[in-house]
């Protein structure tokens, strides 16, 4: 069964008894009324409850959301910021949940690959050769990777050391090392 969400800007219909989710972490939603196929989605922020995000997606013309959740985004200076990450069938969106504003939209065609460690940590880097890269942390790393691959057949590179462009003129290297009790992560300037 497909795990995606269709955005419908028509008036919401009252829920039917058979629209009940299998579990609370992955609610079901109906697709177009004509085919009545149920679609499971990776929507952990309840997109319909965020009208400003729906407006952004509708304005950009994105119709299918493959993933939506809060993540930690790392800035070029090394600060961590809470952001909404949305992956559609055409783009990646970074939205500030505090100001309800779109911070970044990255076309999937611009993404070259995804880098992540081989260990059980939450980090992944989205490598975008024409811009600066995106380093994020999420406990749903595997679901993010699945959404990327489903949307755009991206190359996924597992490595315990890789470089990324933290800003247009700043290259950093991230290293992962297994230590007693977990994973040690170091981010170094190159």
C-alpha atoms as a PDB file:
ATOM      1  CA  UNK A   1       0.000   0.000   0.000  1.00  0.00           C
ATOM      2  CA  UNK A   2       1.316   3.421  -0.905  1.00  0.00           C
ATOM      3  CA  UNK A   3       2.284   5.758   1.953  1.00  0.00           C
ATOM      4  CA  UNK A   4       1.530   9.241   0.629  1.00  0.00           C
ATOM      5  CA  UNK A   5      -0.908  12.081   1.127  1.00  0.00           C
ATOM      6  CA  UNK A   6      -2.838  13.891  -1.550  1.00  0.00           C
ATOM      7  CA  UNK A   7      -3.546  17.567  -0.926  1.00  0.00           C
ATOM      8  CA  UNK A   8      -7.130  18.442  -1.664  1.00  0.00           C
ATOM      9  CA  UNK A   9      -8.158  22.090  -1.505  1.00  0.00           C
ATOM     10  CA  UNK A  10     -11.883  21.340  -1.794  1.00  0.00           C
ATOM     11  CA  UNK A  11     -14.140  21.538   1.241  1.00  0.00           C
ATOM     12  CA  UNK A  12     -13.372  18.875   3.849  1.00  0.00           C
ATOM     13  CA  UNK A  13     -15.798  15.979   4.021  1.00  0.00           C
ATOM     14  CA  UNK A  14     -16.988  14.579   7.342  1.00  0.00           C
ATOM     15  CA  UNK A  15     -15.048  11.441   8.338  1.00  0.00           C
ATOM     16  CA  UNK A  16     -16.612   8.087   7.557  1.00  0.00           C
ATOM     17  CA  UNK A  17     -16.509   5.208  10.005  1.00  0.00           C
ATOM     18  CA  UNK A  18     -14.171   3.264   7.738  1.00  0.00           C
ATOM     19  CA  UNK A  19     -11.618   6.128   7.715  1.00  0.00           C
ATOM     20  CA  UNK A  20     -10.169   5.067  11.078  1.00  0.00           C
ATOM     21  CA  UNK A  21      -6.403   4.731  11.171  1.00  0.00           C
ATOM     22  CA  UNK A  22      -4.585   1.483  11.848  1.00  0.00           C
ATOM     23  CA  UNK A  23      -2.592   3.283  14.557  1.00  0.00           C
ATOM     24  CA  UNK A  24      -2.155   6.808  15.882  1.00  0.00           C
ATOM     25  CA  UNK A  25       1.287   7.341  14.333  1.00  0.00           C
ATOM     26  CA  UNK A  26       0.129   6.924  10.747  1.00  0.00           C
ATOM     27  CA  UNK A  27      -3.432   8.122  10.166  1.00  0.00           C
ATOM     28  CA  UNK A  28      -5.290   7.106   7.013  1.00  0.00           C
ATOM     29  CA  UNK A  29      -6.800   9.582   4.607  1.00  0.00           C
ATOM     30  CA  UNK A  30      -9.061   9.145   1.604  1.00  0.00           C
ATOM     31  CA  UNK A  31      -7.739   9.771  -1.869  1.00  0.00           C
ATOM     32  CA  UNK A  32      -9.802  11.368  -4.619  1.00  0.00           C
ATOM     33  CA  UNK A  33     -13.504  10.589  -4.080  1.00  0.00           C
ATOM     34  CA  UNK A  34     -13.816   8.718  -7.398  1.00  0.00           C
ATOM     35  CA  UNK A  35     -11.442   5.890  -6.525  1.00  0.00           C
ATOM     36  CA  UNK A  36     -12.021   5.708  -2.724  1.00  0.00           C
ATOM     37  CA  UNK A  37      -8.591   4.087  -2.237  1.00  0.00           C
ATOM     38  CA  UNK A  38      -7.193   4.674   1.239  1.00  0.00           C
ATOM     39  CA  UNK A  39      -3.697   6.090   1.426  1.00  0.00           C
ATOM     40  CA  UNK A  40      -1.393   5.766   4.394  1.00  0.00           C
ATOM     41  CA  UNK A  41       0.823   8.722   4.998  1.00  0.00           C
ATOM     42  CA  UNK A  42       3.923   9.703   6.929  1.00  0.00           C
ATOM     43  CA  UNK A  43       2.360  12.847   8.335  1.00  0.00           C
ATOM     44  CA  UNK A  44       3.527  13.343  11.911  1.00  0.00           C
ATOM     45  CA  UNK A  45       2.535  17.012  12.142  1.00  0.00           C
ATOM     46  CA  UNK A  46      -1.114  16.721  11.002  1.00  0.00           C
ATOM     47  CA  UNK A  47      -0.786  18.880   7.872  1.00  0.00           C
ATOM     48  CA  UNK A  48      -4.483  19.840   7.671  1.00  0.00           C
ATOM     49  CA  UNK A  49      -4.108  21.557  11.058  1.00  0.00           C
ATOM     50  CA  UNK A  50      -1.453  23.882   9.551  1.00  0.00           C
ATOM     51  CA  UNK A  51      -3.304  25.988   6.960  1.00  0.00           C
ATOM     52  CA  UNK A  52      -0.230  28.118   6.220  1.00  0.00           C
ATOM     53  CA  UNK A  53       1.687  24.996   5.142  1.00  0.00           C
ATOM     54  CA  UNK A  54      -1.243  23.846   3.010  1.00  0.00           C
ATOM     55  CA  UNK A  55      -1.284  27.288   1.399  1.00  0.00           C
ATOM     56  CA  UNK A  56       2.470  27.093   0.646  1.00  0.00           C
ATOM     57  CA  UNK A  57       2.090  23.644  -0.925  1.00  0.00           C
ATOM     58  CA  UNK A  58      -0.941  24.671  -2.976  1.00  0.00           C
ATOM     59  CA  UNK A  59       0.824  27.829  -4.173  1.00  0.00           C
ATOM     60  CA  UNK A  60       3.812  25.745  -5.334  1.00  0.00           C
ATOM     61  CA  UNK A  61       1.524  23.191  -7.000  1.00  0.00           C
ATOM     62  CA  UNK A  62       2.655  20.221  -4.920  1.00  0.00           C
ATOM     63  CA  UNK A  63      -0.146  17.698  -4.571  1.00  0.00           C
ATOM     64  CA  UNK A  64       1.398  14.658  -2.864  1.00  0.00           C
ATOM     65  CA  UNK A  65       3.190  14.813   0.493  1.00  0.00           C
ATOM     66  CA  UNK A  66       5.343  11.749   1.141  1.00  0.00           C
ATOM     67  CA  UNK A  67       6.699  12.820   4.532  1.00  0.00           C
ATOM     68  CA  UNK A  68       6.051  15.573   7.098  1.00  0.00           C
ATOM     69  CA  UNK A  69       7.612  15.829  10.548  1.00  0.00           C
ATOM     70  CA  UNK A  70       9.647  18.000  12.903  1.00  0.00           C
ATOM     71  CA  UNK A  71      13.413  17.697  12.524  1.00  0.00           C
ATOM     72  CA  UNK A  72      16.508  19.422  13.863  1.00  0.00           C
ATOM     73  CA  UNK A  73      18.248  21.412  11.130  1.00  0.00           C
ATOM     74  CA  UNK A  74      21.895  22.390  11.569  1.00  0.00           C
ATOM     75  CA  UNK A  75      22.879  25.874  10.443  1.00  0.00           C
ATOM     76  CA  UNK A  76      26.224  26.803   8.904  1.00  0.00           C
ATOM     77  CA  UNK A  77      27.343  28.157  12.287  1.00  0.00           C
ATOM     78  CA  UNK A  78      26.459  24.862  13.986  1.00  0.00           C
ATOM     79  CA  UNK A  79      23.253  25.940  15.712  1.00  0.00           C
ATOM     80  CA  UNK A  80      20.311  23.539  15.810  1.00  0.00           C
ATOM     81  CA  UNK A  81      16.873  24.800  14.825  1.00  0.00           C
ATOM     82  CA  UNK A  82      13.558  22.993  15.040  1.00  0.00           C
ATOM     83  CA  UNK A  83      11.941  22.899  11.583  1.00  0.00           C
ATOM     84  CA  UNK A  84       9.191  21.085   9.746  1.00  0.00           C
ATOM     85  CA  UNK A  85      10.557  18.909   6.952  1.00  0.00           C
ATOM     86  CA  UNK A  86       8.159  18.131   4.126  1.00  0.00           C
ATOM     87  CA  UNK A  87       9.002  15.907   1.196  1.00  0.00           C
ATOM     88  CA  UNK A  88       6.634  16.024  -1.749  1.00  0.00           C
ATOM     89  CA  UNK A  89       6.845  14.308  -5.097  1.00  0.00           C
ATOM     90  CA  UNK A  90       8.607  17.436  -6.475  1.00  0.00           C
ATOM     91  CA  UNK A  91      10.423  19.249  -3.660  1.00  0.00           C
ATOM     92  CA  UNK A  92      11.760  19.386  -0.120  1.00  0.00           C
ATOM     93  CA  UNK A  93      10.398  22.116   2.148  1.00  0.00           C
ATOM     94  CA  UNK A  94      11.912  23.501   5.325  1.00  0.00           C
ATOM     95  CA  UNK A  95       9.318  25.469   7.319  1.00  0.00           C
ATOM     96  CA  UNK A  96       9.795  27.378  10.575  1.00  0.00           C
ATOM     97  CA  UNK A  97       6.990  26.210  12.904  1.00  0.00           C
ATOM     98  CA  UNK A  98       7.385  29.255  15.163  1.00  0.00           C
ATOM     99  CA  UNK A  99       6.926  31.905  12.468  1.00  0.00           C
ATOM    100  CA  UNK A 100       4.832  29.827  10.036  1.00  0.00           C
ATOM    101  CA  UNK A 101       7.231  30.744   7.250  1.00  0.00           C
ATOM    102  CA  UNK A 102       8.860  28.854   4.418  1.00  0.00           C
ATOM    103  CA  UNK A 103      12.629  28.918   4.970  1.00  0.00           C
ATOM    104  CA  UNK A 104      13.713  26.860   1.994  1.00  0.00           C
ATOM    105  CA  UNK A 105      12.322  24.959  -0.962  1.00  0.00           C
ATOM    106  CA  UNK A 106      14.640  22.550  -2.757  1.00  0.00           C
ATOM    107  CA  UNK A 107      13.575  20.947  -6.020  1.00  0.00           C
ATOM    108  CA  UNK A 108      14.153  17.189  -5.890  1.00  0.00           C
ATOM    109  CA  UNK A 109      15.869  17.417  -9.267  1.00  0.00           C
ATOM    110  CA  UNK A 110      18.579  19.562  -7.592  1.00  0.00           C
ATOM    111  CA  UNK A 111      19.356  16.883  -4.978  1.00  0.00           C
ATOM    112  CA  UNK A 112      22.343  14.744  -5.920  1.00  0.00           C
ATOM    113  CA  UNK A 113      22.401  12.228  -3.067  1.00  0.00           C
ATOM    114  CA  UNK A 114      21.756  11.533   0.589  1.00  0.00           C
ATOM    115  CA  UNK A 115      24.654  10.824   2.963  1.00  0.00           C
ATOM    116  CA  UNK A 116      24.184   9.107   6.304  1.00  0.00           C
ATOM    117  CA  UNK A 117      26.226   7.128   8.764  1.00  0.00           C
ATOM    118  CA  UNK A 118      26.281   3.359   8.975  1.00  0.00           C
ATOM    119  CA  UNK A 119      25.530   3.570  12.715  1.00  0.00           C
ATOM    120  CA  UNK A 120      22.312   3.998  14.688  1.00  0.00           C
ATOM    121  CA  UNK A 121      22.244   7.784  14.879  1.00  0.00           C
ATOM    122  CA  UNK A 122      19.703  10.285  13.581  1.00  0.00           C
ATOM    123  CA  UNK A 123      21.825  12.330  11.140  1.00  0.00           C
ATOM    124  CA  UNK A 124      21.523  12.649   7.387  1.00  0.00           C
ATOM    125  CA  UNK A 125      22.768  15.141   4.847  1.00  0.00           C
ATOM    126  CA  UNK A 126      20.934  16.102   1.677  1.00  0.00           C
ATOM    127  CA  UNK A 127      23.619  16.984  -0.877  1.00  0.00           C
ATOM    128  CA  UNK A 128      22.647  19.753  -3.326  1.00  0.00           C
ATOM    129  CA  UNK A 129      25.562  20.660  -5.650  1.00  0.00           C
ATOM    130  CA  UNK A 130      24.025  23.951  -6.859  1.00  0.00           C
ATOM    131  CA  UNK A 131      23.346  25.268  -3.325  1.00  0.00           C
ATOM    132  CA  UNK A 132      24.449  24.653   0.239  1.00  0.00           C
ATOM    133  CA  UNK A 133      23.581  21.231   1.653  1.00  0.00           C
ATOM    134  CA  UNK A 134      21.051  20.344   4.322  1.00  0.00           C
ATOM    135  CA  UNK A 135      22.147  18.550   7.509  1.00  0.00           C
ATOM    136  CA  UNK A 136      19.298  17.328   9.684  1.00  0.00           C
ATOM    137  CA  UNK A 137      18.671  14.972  12.575  1.00  0.00           C
ATOM    138  CA  UNK A 138      15.498  12.943  12.979  1.00  0.00           C
ATOM    139  CA  UNK A 139      14.504   9.786  14.819  1.00  0.00           C
ATOM    140  CA  UNK A 140      12.598   8.903  11.628  1.00  0.00           C
ATOM    141  CA  UNK A 141      15.721   8.865   9.443  1.00  0.00           C
ATOM    142  CA  UNK A 142      14.742   5.632   7.669  1.00  0.00           C
ATOM    143  CA  UNK A 143      11.294   6.971   6.765  1.00  0.00           C
ATOM    144  CA  UNK A 144      12.877  10.156   5.375  1.00  0.00           C
ATOM    145  CA  UNK A 145      15.210   8.055   3.221  1.00  0.00           C
ATOM    146  CA  UNK A 146      12.263   5.951   2.018  1.00  0.00           C
ATOM    147  CA  UNK A 147      10.307   9.083   1.073  1.00  0.00           C
ATOM    148  CA  UNK A 148      13.287  10.487  -0.869  1.00  0.00           C
ATOM    149  CA  UNK A 149      13.827   7.226  -2.737  1.00  0.00           C
ATOM    150  CA  UNK A 150      10.097   6.884  -3.458  1.00  0.00           C
ATOM    151  CA  UNK A 151       9.954  10.442  -4.780  1.00  0.00           C
ATOM    152  CA  UNK A 152      13.127  10.606  -6.802  1.00  0.00           C
ATOM    153  CA  UNK A 153      15.296   7.445  -6.899  1.00  0.00           C
ATOM    154  CA  UNK A 154      18.177   9.172  -5.120  1.00  0.00           C
ATOM    155  CA  UNK A 155      21.521   7.619  -4.392  1.00  0.00           C
ATOM    156  CA  UNK A 156      21.948   6.909  -0.679  1.00  0.00           C
ATOM    157  CA  UNK A 157      25.576   6.799   0.527  1.00  0.00           C
ATOM    158  CA  UNK A 158      26.211   5.172   3.922  1.00  0.00           C
ATOM    159  CA  UNK A 159      29.555   6.250   5.389  1.00  0.00           C
ATOM    160  CA  UNK A 160      30.859   7.078   8.841  1.00  0.00           C
ATOM    161  CA  UNK A 161      32.635  10.141   7.440  1.00  0.00           C
ATOM    162  CA  UNK A 162      31.481  12.551   4.756  1.00  0.00           C
ATOM    163  CA  UNK A 163      31.715  16.203   3.757  1.00  0.00           C
ATOM    164  CA  UNK A 164      28.880  18.637   3.182  1.00  0.00           C
ATOM    165  CA  UNK A 165      28.596  22.323   2.301  1.00  0.00           C
ATOM    166  CA  UNK A 166      27.247  23.922   5.471  1.00  0.00           C
ATOM    167  CA  UNK A 167      27.070  27.292   3.658  1.00  0.00           C
ATOM    168  CA  UNK A 168      27.992  28.531   0.191  1.00  0.00           C
ATOM    169  CA  UNK A 169      31.619  29.052   1.263  1.00  0.00           C
ATOM    170  CA  UNK A 170      31.919  26.639   4.216  1.00  0.00           C
ATOM    171  CA  UNK A 171      32.705  22.928   3.910  1.00  0.00           C
ATOM    172  CA  UNK A 172      32.367  20.743   6.999  1.00  0.00           C
ATOM    173  CA  UNK A 173      33.142  17.122   7.657  1.00  0.00           C
ATOM    174  CA  UNK A 174      31.008  14.965   9.889  1.00  0.00           C
ATOM    175  CA  UNK A 175      32.388  11.845  11.580  1.00  0.00           C
ATOM    176  CA  UNK A 176      30.508   9.107  13.381  1.00  0.00           C
ATOM    177  CA  UNK A 177      32.143   6.718  15.815  1.00  0.00           C
ATOM    178  CA  UNK A 178      30.593   3.928  17.809  1.00  0.00           C
ATOM    179  CA  UNK A 179      31.401   4.332  21.492  1.00  0.00           C
ATOM    180  CA  UNK A 180      30.224   2.570  24.604  1.00  0.00           C
ATOM    181  CA  UNK A 181      26.589   3.498  25.108  1.00  0.00           C
ATOM    182  CA  UNK A 182      25.951   5.085  21.693  1.00  0.00           C
ATOM    183  CA  UNK A 183      27.382   7.010  18.785  1.00  0.00           C
ATOM    184  CA  UNK A 184      29.822   9.917  19.012  1.00  0.00           C
ATOM    185  CA  UNK A 185      29.294  12.573  16.327  1.00  0.00           C
ATOM    186  CA  UNK A 186      31.868  15.232  15.443  1.00  0.00           C
ATOM    187  CA  UNK A 187      31.323  18.073  13.015  1.00  0.00           C
ATOM    188  CA  UNK A 188      34.601  19.661  11.856  1.00  0.00           C
ATOM    189  CA  UNK A 189      35.449  22.625   9.633  1.00  0.00           C
ATOM    190  CA  UNK A 190      37.454  21.704   6.544  1.00  0.00           C
END
